[in-house]
Amino acid sequence: MQSAFILLVAGMGTTLLFLSIQALLTTISAKVTAKFAYLMPEPEPKKPAAKKPAPKKEDSDSDELVAVLTAAAHYYQQNN
């Protein structure tokens, strides 16, 4: 039981030490990066592409479609 407790403390201590070092290095890295940020300016935002208007459907196209669908329905009713 004593060796298990020692292993627990050693593992938790190692983890705490690692996370503390990582937090410290992350903070230092953020400060250094902010100090030299002027060397890499932000890219300019791209302009959105102009939207093309949707093509207008002509009435003759929709009338033709209605005629074709009506003929197909009539043909189906006649043959069944």
C-alpha atoms as a PDB file:
ATOM      1  CA  MET A   1       0.000   0.000   0.000  1.00  0.00           C
ATOM      2  CA  GLN A   2       2.865   2.340   0.785  1.00  0.00           C
ATOM      3  CA  SER A   3       4.497   1.798  -2.635  1.00  0.00           C
ATOM      4  CA  ALA A   4       1.172   2.505  -4.367  1.00  0.00           C
ATOM      5  CA  PHE A   5       0.897   5.820  -2.492  1.00  0.00           C
ATOM      6  CA  ILE A   6       4.475   6.743  -3.431  1.00  0.00           C
ATOM      7  CA  LEU A   7       3.744   5.933  -7.075  1.00  0.00           C
ATOM      8  CA  LEU A   8       0.561   8.043  -6.899  1.00  0.00           C
ATOM      9  CA  VAL A   9       2.416  11.051  -5.467  1.00  0.00           C
ATOM     10  CA  ALA A  10       5.267  10.677  -7.968  1.00  0.00           C
ATOM     11  CA  GLY A  11       2.875  10.471 -10.934  1.00  0.00           C
ATOM     12  CA  MET A  12       0.726  13.392  -9.774  1.00  0.00           C
ATOM     13  CA  GLY A  13       3.837  15.447  -8.978  1.00  0.00           C
ATOM     14  CA  THR A  14       5.332  14.779 -12.391  1.00  0.00           C
ATOM     15  CA  THR A  15       2.073  15.759 -14.063  1.00  0.00           C
ATOM     16  CA  LEU A  16       1.780  18.951 -12.000  1.00  0.00           C
ATOM     17  CA  LEU A  17       5.373  19.876 -12.806  1.00  0.00           C
ATOM     18  CA  PHE A  18       4.892  19.256 -16.533  1.00  0.00           C
ATOM     19  CA  LEU A  19       1.641  21.253 -16.710  1.00  0.00           C
ATOM     20  CA  SER A  20       3.174  24.134 -14.750  1.00  0.00           C
ATOM     21  CA  ILE A  21       6.151  24.304 -17.105  1.00  0.00           C
ATOM     22  CA  GLN A  22       3.829  24.128 -20.100  1.00  0.00           C
ATOM     23  CA  ALA A  23       1.656  26.985 -18.784  1.00  0.00           C
ATOM     24  CA  LEU A  24       4.738  29.098 -18.094  1.00  0.00           C
ATOM     25  CA  LEU A  25       6.194  28.505 -21.556  1.00  0.00           C
ATOM     26  CA  THR A  26       2.831  29.227 -23.213  1.00  0.00           C
ATOM     27  CA  THR A  27       2.582  32.552 -21.371  1.00  0.00           C
ATOM     28  CA  ILE A  28       6.154  33.511 -22.323  1.00  0.00           C
ATOM     29  CA  SER A  29       5.526  32.490 -25.932  1.00  0.00           C
ATOM     30  CA  ALA A  30       2.372  34.628 -26.117  1.00  0.00           C
ATOM     31  CA  LYS A  31       4.239  37.685 -24.806  1.00  0.00           C
ATOM     32  CA  VAL A  32       7.144  37.231 -27.220  1.00  0.00           C
ATOM     33  CA  THR A  33       4.805  36.684 -30.147  1.00  0.00           C
ATOM     34  CA  ALA A  34       2.815  39.829 -29.301  1.00  0.00           C
ATOM     35  CA  LYS A  35       6.051  41.824 -29.118  1.00  0.00           C
ATOM     36  CA  PHE A  36       7.108  40.825 -32.648  1.00  0.00           C
ATOM     37  CA  ALA A  37       3.646  40.719 -34.248  1.00  0.00           C
ATOM     38  CA  TYR A  38       4.431  43.739 -36.414  1.00  0.00           C
ATOM     39  CA  LEU A  39       6.826  41.593 -38.470  1.00  0.00           C
ATOM     40  CA  MET A  40       3.938  39.535 -39.833  1.00  0.00           C
ATOM     41  CA  PRO A  41       0.973  41.836 -40.565  1.00  0.00           C
ATOM     42  CA  GLU A  42      -2.503  40.402 -40.916  1.00  0.00           C
ATOM     43  CA  PRO A  43      -3.515  39.556 -44.504  1.00  0.00           C
ATOM     44  CA  GLU A  44      -6.084  41.837 -46.105  1.00  0.00           C
ATOM     45  CA  PRO A  45      -9.582  40.350 -46.149  1.00  0.00           C
ATOM     46  CA  LYS A  46     -10.740  39.136 -49.531  1.00  0.00           C
ATOM     47  CA  LYS A  47     -13.589  40.953 -51.197  1.00  0.00           C
ATOM     48  CA  PRO A  48     -16.694  38.803 -51.649  1.00  0.00           C
ATOM     49  CA  ALA A  49     -17.406  37.821 -55.220  1.00  0.00           C
ATOM     50  CA  ALA A  50     -20.276  39.634 -56.891  1.00  0.00           C
ATOM     51  CA  LYS A  51     -23.393  37.511 -56.983  1.00  0.00           C
ATOM     52  CA  LYS A  52     -24.776  36.785 -60.401  1.00  0.00           C
ATOM     53  CA  PRO A  53     -28.525  37.143 -60.739  1.00  0.00           C
ATOM     54  CA  ALA A  54     -30.376  33.905 -61.250  1.00  0.00           C
ATOM     55  CA  PRO A  55     -31.545  33.374 -64.822  1.00  0.00           C
ATOM     56  CA  LYS A  56     -35.223  34.109 -65.249  1.00  0.00           C
ATOM     57  CA  LYS A  57     -37.371  31.259 -66.471  1.00  0.00           C
ATOM     58  CA  GLU A  58     -39.536  32.205 -69.346  1.00  0.00           C
ATOM     59  CA  ASP A  59     -43.250  31.456 -69.286  1.00  0.00           C
ATOM     60  CA  SER A  60     -42.948  29.387 -72.476  1.00  0.00           C
ATOM     61  CA  ASP A  61     -40.591  26.950 -70.738  1.00  0.00           C
ATOM     62  CA  SER A  62     -42.976  26.381 -67.858  1.00  0.00           C
ATOM     63  CA  ASP A  63     -45.949  26.141 -70.240  1.00  0.00           C
ATOM     64  CA  GLU A  64     -44.107  23.510 -72.261  1.00  0.00           C
ATOM     65  CA  LEU A  65     -43.307  21.574 -69.101  1.00  0.00           C
ATOM     66  CA  VAL A  66     -46.945  21.627 -68.010  1.00  0.00           C
ATOM     67  CA  ALA A  67     -47.998  20.364 -71.447  1.00  0.00           C
ATOM     68  CA  VAL A  68     -45.492  17.497 -71.340  1.00  0.00           C
ATOM     69  CA  LEU A  69     -46.530  16.474 -67.823  1.00  0.00           C
ATOM     70  CA  THR A  70     -50.224  16.630 -68.730  1.00  0.00           C
ATOM     71  CA  ALA A  71     -49.657  14.480 -71.809  1.00  0.00           C
ATOM     72  CA  ALA A  72     -47.655  11.935 -69.761  1.00  0.00           C
ATOM     73  CA  ALA A  73     -50.376  11.749 -67.094  1.00  0.00           C
ATOM     74  CA  HIS A  74     -53.077  11.353 -69.762  1.00  0.00           C
ATOM     75  CA  TYR A  75     -51.053   8.605 -71.498  1.00  0.00           C
ATOM     76  CA  TYR A  76     -50.531   6.798 -68.177  1.00  0.00           C
ATOM     77  CA  GLN A  77     -54.256   6.926 -67.359  1.00  0.00           C
ATOM     78  CA  GLN A  78     -55.182   5.588 -70.821  1.00  0.00           C
ATOM     79  CA  ASN A  79     -52.797   2.610 -70.638  1.00  0.00           C
ATOM     80  CA  ASN A  80     -53.523   1.492 -67.055  1.00  0.00           C
END
